[in-house]
C-alpha atoms as a PDB file:
ATOM      1  CA  MET A   1       0.000   0.000   0.000  1.00  0.00           C
ATOM      2  CA  ARG A   2       1.092   3.557  -0.551  1.00  0.00           C
ATOM      3  CA  PRO A   3       2.051   5.636   2.497  1.00  0.00           C
ATOM      4  CA  ASN A   4       1.424   9.336   2.897  1.00  0.00           C
ATOM      5  CA  THR A   5       3.857  10.694   5.447  1.00  0.00           C
ATOM      6  CA  ARG A   6       1.857  13.920   5.713  1.00  0.00           C
ATOM      7  CA  ILE A   7      -1.276  12.298   7.102  1.00  0.00           C
ATOM      8  CA  SER A   8      -2.722  14.076  10.132  1.00  0.00           C
ATOM      9  CA  LEU A   9      -6.108  14.180  11.792  1.00  0.00           C
ATOM     10  CA  ALA A  10      -6.391  17.875  11.085  1.00  0.00           C
ATOM     11  CA  GLY A  11      -5.449  17.716   7.429  1.00  0.00           C
ATOM     12  CA  LEU A  12      -7.073  14.363   6.601  1.00  0.00           C
ATOM     13  CA  LEU A  13      -4.279  13.621   4.185  1.00  0.00           C
ATOM     14  CA  ALA A  14      -4.516   9.888   4.686  1.00  0.00           C
ATOM     15  CA  GLY A  15      -3.487   8.117   1.642  1.00  0.00           C
ATOM     16  CA  GLY A  16       9.483  -6.078  20.228  1.00  0.00           C
ATOM     17  CA  ALA A  17      10.172  -9.492  20.127  1.00  0.00           C
ATOM     18  CA  LEU A  18      13.176 -10.871  18.296  1.00  0.00           C
ATOM     19  CA  ILE A  19      12.436 -12.924  15.225  1.00  0.00           C
ATOM     20  CA  ALA A  20      11.513 -16.456  16.254  1.00  0.00           C
ATOM     21  CA  MET A  21      13.939 -19.094  15.125  1.00  0.00           C
ATOM     22  CA  ALA A  22      12.728 -21.058  12.125  1.00  0.00           C
ATOM     23  CA  PHE A  23      13.317 -24.627  13.281  1.00  0.00           C
ATOM     24  CA  VAL A  24      13.768 -27.350  10.700  1.00  0.00           C
ATOM     25  CA  PRO A  25      11.365 -30.188  11.602  1.00  0.00           C
ATOM     26  CA  LEU A  26      12.633 -33.701  12.160  1.00  0.00           C
ATOM     27  CA  ASP A  27      11.111 -36.851  10.698  1.00  0.00           C
ATOM     28  CA  ASP A  28      10.481 -39.822  12.982  1.00  0.00           C
ATOM     29  CA  ASP A  29      13.773 -41.388  11.977  1.00  0.00           C
ATOM     30  CA  GLY A  30      15.694 -38.269  12.966  1.00  0.00           C
ATOM     31  CA  ASP A  31      16.313 -37.014   9.446  1.00  0.00           C
ATOM     32  CA  THR A  32      15.647 -33.392   8.732  1.00  0.00           C
ATOM     33  CA  GLY A  33      12.346 -32.561   7.070  1.00  0.00           C
ATOM     34  CA  THR A  34      11.808 -29.784   4.571  1.00  0.00           C
ATOM     35  CA  ALA A  35      14.886 -27.600   4.621  1.00  0.00           C
ATOM     36  CA  PRO A  36      14.452 -23.828   4.885  1.00  0.00           C
ATOM     37  CA  PRO A  37      14.824 -22.107   1.531  1.00  0.00           C
ATOM     38  CA  GLY A  38      18.064 -20.547   0.452  1.00  0.00           C
ATOM     39  CA  GLY A  39      18.983 -17.820  -1.980  1.00  0.00           C
ATOM     40  CA  PRO A  40      18.911 -16.090  -4.276  1.00  0.00           C
ATOM     41  CA  TYR A  41      15.883 -14.526  -2.561  1.00  0.00           C
ATOM     42  CA  ILE A  42      13.810 -11.858  -4.328  1.00  0.00           C
ATOM     43  CA  ALA A  43      11.248  -9.811  -2.352  1.00  0.00           C
ATOM     44  CA  LEU A  44       8.389  -8.281  -4.359  1.00  0.00           C
ATOM     45  CA  GLY A  45       5.612  -6.075  -3.035  1.00  0.00           C
ATOM     46  CA  ASP A  46       4.130  -2.772  -1.939  1.00  0.00           C
ATOM     47  CA  SER A  47       4.703  -0.535   1.097  1.00  0.00           C
ATOM     48  CA  TYR A  48       3.608  -3.172   3.630  1.00  0.00           C
ATOM     49  CA  THR A  49       6.645  -5.074   2.371  1.00  0.00           C
ATOM     50  CA  ALA A  50       8.921  -2.042   1.942  1.00  0.00           C
ATOM     51  CA  GLY A  51       8.364  -0.688   5.476  1.00  0.00           C
ATOM     52  CA  PRO A  52       8.317   3.104   4.889  1.00  0.00           C
ATOM     53  CA  GLY A  53       9.443   5.254   7.772  1.00  0.00           C
ATOM     54  CA  ILE A  54      11.189   2.453   9.671  1.00  0.00           C
ATOM     55  CA  PRO A  55      14.898   3.289  10.101  1.00  0.00           C
ATOM     56  CA  GLU A  56      16.977   3.041   8.050  1.00  0.00           C
ATOM     57  CA  GLU A  57      16.033   3.609   4.447  1.00  0.00           C
ATOM     58  CA  LYS A  58      18.002   1.604   1.899  1.00  0.00           C
ATOM     59  CA  GLY A  59      18.244   1.018  -1.819  1.00  0.00           C
ATOM     60  CA  SER A  60      17.036   2.984  -4.776  1.00  0.00           C
ATOM     61  CA  PRO A  61      14.997   4.726  -5.880  1.00  0.00           C
ATOM     62  CA  ALA A  62      14.497   6.634  -2.641  1.00  0.00           C
ATOM     63  CA  GLY A  63      10.805   7.003  -3.486  1.00  0.00           C
ATOM     64  CA  CYS A  64      10.213   3.313  -2.766  1.00  0.00           C
ATOM     65  CA  ASP A  65      10.887   3.956   0.955  1.00  0.00           C
ATOM     66  CA  ARG A  66      12.427   0.540   1.659  1.00  0.00           C
ATOM     67  CA  SER A  67      13.597  -0.101   5.205  1.00  0.00           C
ATOM     68  CA  ASP A  68      16.575  -2.242   6.119  1.00  0.00           C
ATOM     69  CA  HIS A  69      14.381  -3.644   8.919  1.00  0.00           C
ATOM     70  CA  ASN A  70      11.403  -4.689   6.815  1.00  0.00           C
ATOM     71  CA  TYR A  71      10.321  -8.319   6.862  1.00  0.00           C
ATOM     72  CA  PRO A  72      12.307  -9.358   3.750  1.00  0.00           C
ATOM     73  CA  ALA A  73      15.536  -7.990   5.261  1.00  0.00           C
ATOM     74  CA  LEU A  74      14.829  -9.739   8.569  1.00  0.00           C
ATOM     75  CA  VAL A  75      14.035 -13.020   6.823  1.00  0.00           C
ATOM     76  CA  ALA A  76      17.184 -12.812   4.698  1.00  0.00           C
ATOM     77  CA  ASP A  77      19.241 -12.160   7.819  1.00  0.00           C
ATOM     78  CA  ARG A  78      17.694 -15.123   9.648  1.00  0.00           C
ATOM     79  CA  LEU A  79      18.410 -17.377   6.675  1.00  0.00           C
ATOM     80  CA  GLY A  80      22.017 -16.204   6.724  1.00  0.00           C
ATOM     81  CA  LEU A  81      21.912 -15.017   3.135  1.00  0.00           C
ATOM     82  CA  LYS A  82      24.792 -12.999   1.752  1.00  0.00           C
ATOM     83  CA  ALA A  83      24.062  -9.615   0.191  1.00  0.00           C
ATOM     84  CA  ALA A  84      24.546 -11.082  -3.282  1.00  0.00           C
ATOM     85  CA  ASP A  85      21.786 -13.622  -2.619  1.00  0.00           C
ATOM     86  CA  PHE A  86      19.107 -11.170  -1.471  1.00  0.00           C
ATOM     87  CA  ARG A  87      17.379  -8.453  -3.441  1.00  0.00           C
ATOM     88  CA  ASP A  88      14.422  -6.398  -2.228  1.00  0.00           C
ATOM     89  CA  VAL A  89      12.625  -4.653  -5.108  1.00  0.00           C
ATOM     90  CA  SER A  90       9.415  -3.835  -3.231  1.00  0.00           C
ATOM     91  CA  CYS A  91       8.145  -0.281  -3.593  1.00  0.00           C
ATOM     92  CA  SER A  92       5.638   1.880  -1.790  1.00  0.00           C
ATOM     93  CA  GLY A  93       2.569   2.511  -3.900  1.00  0.00           C
ATOM     94  CA  ALA A  94       3.086  -0.592  -6.033  1.00  0.00           C
ATOM     95  CA  THR A  95       0.137  -2.310  -7.675  1.00  0.00           C
ATOM     96  CA  ILE A  96       0.084  -5.682  -9.400  1.00  0.00           C
ATOM     97  CA  ALA A  97       0.694  -3.867 -12.703  1.00  0.00           C
ATOM     98  CA  ASP A  98       3.992  -2.545 -11.309  1.00  0.00           C
ATOM     99  CA  LEU A  99       5.321  -6.069 -11.010  1.00  0.00           C
ATOM    100  CA  GLY A 100       5.679  -6.110 -14.773  1.00  0.00           C
ATOM    101  CA  ALA A 101       6.178  -2.430 -15.570  1.00  0.00           C
ATOM    102  CA  ARG A 102       8.355   0.514 -14.536  1.00  0.00           C
ATOM    103  CA  GLN A 103       6.887   2.357 -11.534  1.00  0.00           C
ATOM    104  CA  THR A 104       7.355   6.110 -11.230  1.00  0.00           C
ATOM    105  CA  THR A 105       7.773   7.521  -7.717  1.00  0.00           C
ATOM    106  CA  ASP A 106       8.316  11.085  -6.523  1.00  0.00           C
ATOM    107  CA  GLN A 107      12.023  10.268  -6.159  1.00  0.00           C
ATOM    108  CA  GLY A 108      12.965   8.136  -9.129  1.00  0.00           C
ATOM    109  CA  ALA A 109      11.612   5.146 -10.998  1.00  0.00           C
ATOM    110  CA  ASN A 110      11.564   1.542  -9.834  1.00  0.00           C
ATOM    111  CA  PRO A 111      12.202  -0.998 -12.609  1.00  0.00           C
ATOM    112  CA  ALA A 112       9.594  -3.683 -13.183  1.00  0.00           C
ATOM    113  CA  GLN A 113       9.842  -5.892 -10.120  1.00  0.00           C
ATOM    114  CA  PHE A 114       9.732  -9.046 -12.234  1.00  0.00           C
ATOM    115  CA  SER A 115      13.031  -8.003 -13.826  1.00  0.00           C
ATOM    116  CA  ALA A 116      14.819  -9.157 -10.660  1.00  0.00           C
ATOM    117  CA  LEU A 117      13.703 -12.771 -11.198  1.00  0.00           C
ATOM    118  CA  SER A 118      15.754 -15.390 -13.004  1.00  0.00           C
ATOM    119  CA  GLU A 119      16.233 -19.133 -13.265  1.00  0.00           C
ATOM    120  CA  ARG A 120      18.733 -18.804 -10.406  1.00  0.00           C
ATOM    121  CA  THR A 121      16.070 -17.496  -8.010  1.00  0.00           C
ATOM    122  CA  ARG A 122      15.227 -19.979  -5.263  1.00  0.00           C
ATOM    123  CA  LEU A 123      12.902 -17.959  -3.001  1.00  0.00           C
ATOM    124  CA  VAL A 124      10.253 -15.336  -3.793  1.00  0.00           C
ATOM    125  CA  THR A 125       7.966 -13.488  -1.393  1.00  0.00           C
ATOM    126  CA  LEU A 126       5.137 -11.362  -2.768  1.00  0.00           C
ATOM    127  CA  GLY A 127       2.995  -8.924  -0.798  1.00  0.00           C
ATOM    128  CA  ILE A 128       0.633  -7.020  -3.106  1.00  0.00           C
ATOM    129  CA  GLY A 129      -3.010  -6.113  -3.741  1.00  0.00           C
ATOM    130  CA  GLY A 130      -3.894  -3.387  -1.242  1.00  0.00           C
ATOM    131  CA  ASN A 131      -3.266  -0.550  -3.660  1.00  0.00           C
ATOM    132  CA  ASP A 132      -5.254  -2.324  -6.377  1.00  0.00           C
ATOM    133  CA  ILE A 133      -8.402  -2.028  -4.270  1.00  0.00           C
ATOM    134  CA  GLY A 134      -7.477   1.473  -3.114  1.00  0.00           C
ATOM    135  CA  PHE A 135      -7.420   0.564   0.567  1.00  0.00           C
ATOM    136  CA  GLY A 136      -5.502   3.698   1.579  1.00  0.00           C
ATOM    137  CA  SER A 137      -7.992   5.913  -0.251  1.00  0.00           C
ATOM    138  CA  MET A 138     -10.836   4.022   1.392  1.00  0.00           C
ATOM    139  CA  ILE A 139      -9.444   4.792   4.842  1.00  0.00           C
ATOM    140  CA  LYS A 140      -9.039   8.456   3.931  1.00  0.00           C
ATOM    141  CA  ARG A 141     -12.608   8.623   2.659  1.00  0.00           C
ATOM    142  CA  CYS A 142     -13.986   6.809   5.692  1.00  0.00           C
ATOM    143  CA  VAL A 143     -12.094   9.054   8.108  1.00  0.00           C
ATOM    144  CA  GLY A 144     -13.574  12.081   6.360  1.00  0.00           C
ATOM    145  CA  ALA A 145     -17.066  10.594   6.523  1.00  0.00           C
ATOM    146  CA  GLY A 146     -16.609   9.706  10.174  1.00  0.00           C
ATOM    147  CA  MET A 147     -15.438  13.151  11.226  1.00  0.00           C
ATOM    148  CA  LEU A 148     -18.239  14.849   9.317  1.00  0.00           C
ATOM    149  CA  TYR A 149     -20.778  12.480  10.823  1.00  0.00           C
ATOM    150  CA  LYS A 150     -19.444  13.215  14.301  1.00  0.00           C
ATOM    151  CA  ALA A 151     -19.488  16.972  13.746  1.00  0.00           C
ATOM    152  CA  LEU A 152     -23.080  16.946  12.498  1.00  0.00           C
ATOM    153  CA  GLY A 153     -24.377  14.503  15.064  1.00  0.00           C
ATOM    154  CA  SER A 154     -24.291  14.122  18.806  1.00  0.00           C
ATOM    155  CA  GLY A 155     -20.608  13.302  18.876  1.00  0.00           C
ATOM    156  CA  LYS A 156     -21.362   9.685  19.660  1.00  0.00           C
ATOM    157  CA  TYR A 157     -21.726   6.669  17.427  1.00  0.00           C
ATOM    158  CA  VAL A 158     -23.938   3.624  17.691  1.00  0.00           C
ATOM    159  CA  PRO A 159     -22.582   0.236  16.524  1.00  0.00           C
ATOM    160  CA  GLU A 160     -24.452   0.146  13.223  1.00  0.00           C
ATOM    161  CA  ASP A 161     -23.347   3.611  12.053  1.00  0.00           C
ATOM    162  CA  ALA A 162     -21.428   3.194   8.771  1.00  0.00           C
ATOM    163  CA  PRO A 163     -21.577   6.445   6.778  1.00  0.00           C
ATOM    164  CA  CYS A 164     -18.654   5.431   4.568  1.00  0.00           C
ATOM    165  CA  GLU A 165     -19.824   1.916   3.733  1.00  0.00           C
ATOM    166  CA  ARG A 166     -22.882   3.397   2.083  1.00  0.00           C
ATOM    167  CA  GLN A 167     -20.569   5.150  -0.396  1.00  0.00           C
ATOM    168  CA  TYR A 168     -19.172   1.805  -1.576  1.00  0.00           C
ATOM    169  CA  VAL A 169     -22.126  -0.559  -1.293  1.00  0.00           C
ATOM    170  CA  SER A 170     -25.503   0.356  -2.756  1.00  0.00           C
ATOM    171  CA  ASP A 171     -28.342  -1.248  -4.698  1.00  0.00           C
ATOM    172  CA  GLY A 172     -26.757  -4.667  -4.367  1.00  0.00           C
ATOM    173  CA  THR A 173     -23.439  -3.524  -5.861  1.00  0.00           C
ATOM    174  CA  ASP A 174     -20.280  -3.823  -3.768  1.00  0.00           C
ATOM    175  CA  GLU A 175     -17.599  -1.731  -5.479  1.00  0.00           C
ATOM    176  CA  VAL A 176     -14.795  -3.037  -3.278  1.00  0.00           C
ATOM    177  CA  ARG A 177     -15.737  -6.683  -3.728  1.00  0.00           C
ATOM    178  CA  GLU A 178     -15.528  -6.208  -7.485  1.00  0.00           C
ATOM    179  CA  LYS A 179     -12.004  -4.788  -7.152  1.00  0.00           C
ATOM    180  CA  ILE A 180     -10.977  -7.709  -4.950  1.00  0.00           C
ATOM    181  CA  ASP A 181     -12.227 -10.136  -7.594  1.00  0.00           C
ATOM    182  CA  ALA A 182     -10.111  -8.307 -10.171  1.00  0.00           C
ATOM    183  CA  VAL A 183      -7.077  -8.581  -7.878  1.00  0.00           C
ATOM    184  CA  GLY A 184      -7.542 -12.340  -7.906  1.00  0.00           C
ATOM    185  CA  VAL A 185      -7.507 -12.512 -11.693  1.00  0.00           C
ATOM    186  CA  HIS A 186      -4.388 -10.355 -12.004  1.00  0.00           C
ATOM    187  CA  LEU A 187      -2.604 -12.132  -9.157  1.00  0.00           C
ATOM    188  CA  ALA A 188      -3.150 -15.488 -10.855  1.00  0.00           C
ATOM    189  CA  GLU A 189      -1.519 -14.093 -13.999  1.00  0.00           C
ATOM    190  CA  SER A 190       1.375 -12.713 -11.968  1.00  0.00           C
ATOM    191  CA  LEU A 191       2.002 -15.996 -10.171  1.00  0.00           C
ATOM    192  CA  ALA A 192       2.117 -17.756 -13.534  1.00  0.00           C
ATOM    193  CA  GLU A 193       4.704 -15.212 -14.693  1.00  0.00           C
ATOM    194  CA  ILE A 194       6.789 -15.754 -11.547  1.00  0.00           C
ATOM    195  CA  ALA A 195       6.741 -19.494 -12.213  1.00  0.00           C
ATOM    196  CA  ARG A 196       7.868 -18.876 -15.779  1.00  0.00           C
ATOM    197  CA  ARG A 197      10.710 -16.538 -14.840  1.00  0.00           C
ATOM    198  CA  ALA A 198      11.825 -18.364 -11.683  1.00  0.00           C
ATOM    199  CA  PRO A 199      10.865 -22.013 -12.250  1.00  0.00           C
ATOM    200  CA  HIS A 200      13.019 -23.333  -9.389  1.00  0.00           C
ATOM    201  CA  ALA A 201      11.819 -20.887  -6.730  1.00  0.00           C
ATOM    202  CA  ARG A 202       9.632 -21.511  -3.698  1.00  0.00           C
ATOM    203  CA  VAL A 203       6.964 -18.808  -3.846  1.00  0.00           C
ATOM    204  CA  TYR A 204       5.177 -17.316  -0.831  1.00  0.00           C
ATOM    205  CA  VAL A 205       2.246 -14.884  -1.079  1.00  0.00           C
ATOM    206  CA  ILE A 206       2.194 -12.704   2.041  1.00  0.00           C
ATOM    207  CA  GLY A 207      -1.192 -11.640   3.411  1.00  0.00           C
ATOM    208  CA  TYR A 208      -1.840  -8.339   5.151  1.00  0.00           C
ATOM    209  CA  PRO A 209      -1.776  -8.044   8.956  1.00  0.00           C
ATOM    210  CA  GLU A 210      -4.860  -6.827  10.796  1.00  0.00           C
ATOM    211  CA  ILE A 211      -5.151  -3.098  10.161  1.00  0.00           C
ATOM    212  CA  LEU A 212      -8.448  -2.471  11.967  1.00  0.00           C
ATOM    213  CA  PRO A 213     -10.402  -4.605  14.446  1.00  0.00           C
ATOM    214  CA  SER A 214     -13.765  -6.190  13.761  1.00  0.00           C
ATOM    215  CA  THR A 215     -15.517  -3.689  16.045  1.00  0.00           C
ATOM    216  CA  GLY A 216     -15.021   0.010  16.738  1.00  0.00           C
ATOM    217  CA  GLY A 217     -13.138  -0.114  20.038  1.00  0.00           C
ATOM    218  CA  ASP A 218     -10.689   2.783  20.324  1.00  0.00           C
ATOM    219  CA  CYS A 219     -10.874   3.556  16.605  1.00  0.00           C
ATOM    220  CA  LEU A 220     -12.969   6.669  17.214  1.00  0.00           C
ATOM    221  CA  ARG A 221     -10.083   8.126  19.201  1.00  0.00           C
ATOM    222  CA  THR A 222      -7.157   6.954  17.061  1.00  0.00           C
ATOM    223  CA  MET A 223      -8.703   6.847  13.590  1.00  0.00           C
ATOM    224  CA  SER A 224     -11.938   8.900  13.734  1.00  0.00           C
ATOM    225  CA  LEU A 225     -13.868   6.036  12.149  1.00  0.00           C
ATOM    226  CA  ALA A 226     -17.508   5.223  12.811  1.00  0.00           C
ATOM    227  CA  PRO A 227     -17.862   1.732  14.379  1.00  0.00           C
ATOM    228  CA  GLY A 228     -19.778   0.375  11.402  1.00  0.00           C
ATOM    229  CA  ASP A 229     -17.081   1.587   9.018  1.00  0.00           C
ATOM    230  CA  VAL A 230     -14.378  -0.074  11.144  1.00  0.00           C
ATOM    231  CA  ALA A 231     -16.251  -3.353  10.713  1.00  0.00           C
ATOM    232  CA  PHE A 232     -16.682  -2.682   6.980  1.00  0.00           C
ATOM    233  CA  LEU A 233     -12.967  -2.008   6.393  1.00  0.00           C
ATOM    234  CA  HIS A 234     -12.033  -5.020   8.522  1.00  0.00           C
ATOM    235  CA  GLN A 235     -14.318  -7.206   6.423  1.00  0.00           C
ATOM    236  CA  LYS A 236     -12.838  -5.944   3.157  1.00  0.00           C
ATOM    237  CA  GLU A 237      -9.312  -6.663   4.319  1.00  0.00           C
ATOM    238  CA  ARG A 238     -10.382 -10.193   5.277  1.00  0.00           C
ATOM    239  CA  GLN A 239     -11.919 -10.654   1.837  1.00  0.00           C
ATOM    240  CA  LEU A 240      -8.727  -9.457   0.169  1.00  0.00           C
ATOM    241  CA  ASN A 241      -6.621 -11.861   2.222  1.00  0.00           C
ATOM    242  CA  ASP A 242      -8.994 -14.713   1.373  1.00  0.00           C
ATOM    243  CA  GLU A 243      -8.575 -13.927  -2.320  1.00  0.00           C
ATOM    244  CA  LEU A 244      -4.784 -13.858  -1.957  1.00  0.00           C
ATOM    245  CA  ARG A 245      -4.890 -17.221  -0.199  1.00  0.00           C
ATOM    246  CA  ASP A 246      -7.145 -18.836  -2.801  1.00  0.00           C
ATOM    247  CA  ARG A 247      -5.044 -17.649  -5.719  1.00  0.00           C
ATOM    248  CA  ALA A 248      -1.790 -18.701  -4.043  1.00  0.00           C
ATOM    249  CA  GLU A 249      -3.098 -22.202  -3.401  1.00  0.00           C
ATOM    250  CA  ALA A 250      -4.449 -22.502  -6.948  1.00  0.00           C
ATOM    251  CA  ALA A 251      -0.983 -21.654  -8.267  1.00  0.00           C
ATOM    252  CA  SER A 252       0.766 -24.142  -5.932  1.00  0.00           C
ATOM    253  CA  ALA A 253       2.359 -21.277  -4.021  1.00  0.00           C
ATOM    254  CA  GLU A 254       2.320 -20.940  -0.223  1.00  0.00           C
ATOM    255  CA  TYR A 255       0.142 -18.373   1.522  1.00  0.00           C
ATOM    256  CA  VAL A 256       1.538 -16.701   4.651  1.00  0.00           C
ATOM    257  CA  ASP A 257      -1.103 -15.656   7.164  1.00  0.00           C
ATOM    258  CA  THR A 258       0.049 -12.509   8.972  1.00  0.00           C
ATOM    259  CA  PHE A 259      -3.512 -11.590   9.971  1.00  0.00           C
ATOM    260  CA  THR A 260      -3.993 -14.229  12.682  1.00  0.00           C
ATOM    261  CA  PRO A 261      -0.832 -13.412  14.675  1.00  0.00           C
ATOM    262  CA  SER A 262      -1.629  -9.693  14.443  1.00  0.00           C
ATOM    263  CA  ARG A 263      -5.174  -9.904  15.813  1.00  0.00           C
ATOM    264  CA  GLY A 264      -5.670  -7.153  18.385  1.00  0.00           C
ATOM    265  CA  ARG A 265      -2.494  -5.391  17.246  1.00  0.00           C
ATOM    266  CA  GLY A 266      -3.847  -3.071  14.547  1.00  0.00           C
ATOM    267  CA  ALA A 267      -3.904   0.716  14.312  1.00  0.00           C
ATOM    268  CA  CYS A 268      -6.484   1.074  17.093  1.00  0.00           C
ATOM    269  CA  ALA A 269      -4.554  -1.026  19.625  1.00  0.00           C
ATOM    270  CA  ALA A 270      -2.401   0.240  22.485  1.00  0.00           C
ATOM    271  CA  GLU A 271       0.941   1.762  21.565  1.00  0.00           C
ATOM    272  CA  ASP A 272       2.971  -0.972  23.276  1.00  0.00           C
ATOM    273  CA  VAL A 273       1.408  -3.858  21.323  1.00  0.00           C
ATOM    274  CA  ARG A 274       0.298  -2.561  17.948  1.00  0.00           C
ATOM    275  CA  TRP A 275       1.888  -3.632  14.677  1.00  0.00           C
ATOM    276  CA  ILE A 276       0.206  -0.883  12.637  1.00  0.00           C
ATOM    277  CA  GLU A 277       0.564   2.809  13.417  1.00  0.00           C
ATOM    278  CA  PRO A 278      -2.556   5.039  13.461  1.00  0.00           C
ATOM    279  CA  LEU A 279      -3.094   8.261  11.497  1.00  0.00           C
ATOM    280  CA  GLU A 280      -0.597  10.058  13.699  1.00  0.00           C
ATOM    281  CA  PRO A 281       2.260   7.577  14.173  1.00  0.00           C
ATOM    282  CA  VAL A 282       4.082   7.417  17.487  1.00  0.00           C
ATOM    283  CA  ALA A 283       6.715   4.902  16.407  1.00  0.00           C
ATOM    284  CA  PRO A 284       8.782   5.554  13.262  1.00  0.00           C
ATOM    285  CA  ALA A 285       6.530   4.394  10.419  1.00  0.00           C
ATOM    286  CA  ALA A 286       4.184   5.765   7.794  1.00  0.00           C
ATOM    287  CA  PRO A 287       0.581   6.397   8.892  1.00  0.00           C
ATOM    288  CA  VAL A 288      -1.598   3.256   8.854  1.00  0.00           C
ATOM    289  CA  HIS A 289       1.443   1.107   8.028  1.00  0.00           C
ATOM    290  CA  PRO A 290       3.505  -1.466   9.918  1.00  0.00           C
ATOM    291  CA  ASN A 291       5.992  -0.279  12.497  1.00  0.00           C
ATOM    292  CA  ALA A 292       9.179  -2.188  13.333  1.00  0.00           C
ATOM    293  CA  ARG A 293       7.221  -4.532  15.625  1.00  0.00           C
ATOM    294  CA  GLY A 294       4.832  -5.259  12.788  1.00  0.00           C
ATOM    295  CA  GLU A 295       7.597  -6.034  10.323  1.00  0.00           C
ATOM    296  CA  ARG A 296       9.190  -8.364  12.885  1.00  0.00           C
ATOM    297  CA  GLY A 297       5.854 -10.082  13.370  1.00  0.00           C
ATOM    298  CA  MET A 298       5.443 -10.508   9.625  1.00  0.00           C
ATOM    299  CA  ALA A 299       8.967 -11.922   9.393  1.00  0.00           C
ATOM    300  CA  ASP A 300       8.090 -14.417  12.134  1.00  0.00           C
ATOM    301  CA  ALA A 301       5.069 -15.551  10.121  1.00  0.00           C
ATOM    302  CA  VAL A 302       7.168 -16.012   6.979  1.00  0.00           C
ATOM    303  CA  LEU A 303       9.799 -18.000   8.860  1.00  0.00           C
ATOM    304  CA  ARG A 304       7.135 -20.242  10.373  1.00  0.00           C
ATOM    305  CA  ALA A 305       5.765 -20.890   6.888  1.00  0.00           C
ATOM    306  CA  PHE A 306       9.165 -22.265   5.888  1.00  0.00           C
ATOM    307  CA  GLU A 307       8.703 -25.043   8.463  1.00  0.00           C
ATOM    308  CA  LYS A 308       5.695 -26.526   6.677  1.00  0.00           C
END
């Protein structure tokens, strides 16, 4: 997803555990089971992969906002990969189309992410799809609707209030669901292209961590979202993750669930547990994006997937 480092409540410009060791399982006879993957490792994805705002920025172009403590970097370090065997080409703002085409940023252009793949590649992680459904824009729109609703009303919400959902779902048409379906089609094509370019690679599709809870909770305070819209956005993220999972499995790739381990750790959670920063970040991170704890948690989930 694409960060907007100028997001604030006033302007509405929305837009620490160590990594767990990845144990290699043993068969009954004492032999090692599936070995963890090695390199070359290529990381593809959007800003939830890149880790904008988490110190320190690395790589080029600068507009991709890649952190040297994002989950790909942490995974590569845990696998003991040398620099020559790890390449992170993720980029903030990336859509599925940017996997196969040059992406322009405000500080340089990122080559097509697929160009990093080759027959030598042995491991690929892919975290993509949020920008294709416009999730960041949805949050911005829902925050605006929530603040207007609050200003015009009593200042209190009831659980069913969802002023933003009504802008996306009407007369039996769910605009977001249609975009999620399109993500599935394009992701299937992209996974086929990865298999063609990197036929010897183990491929992992990385789901999104919980961004918002299933109910309002503290989201009125931290995100200015009506309770019903919190539930709506939560549901749409779940639907997107389900689509990512289905398409990964259909393509014989592995799906990595980062949502389950992040439950209760989204943008509305307490500062000392959350993986996702709210509109006004406290930890170094882009608004409504993973902080360092979140990237570590995502790395843990990837490493656990290697054990299967």
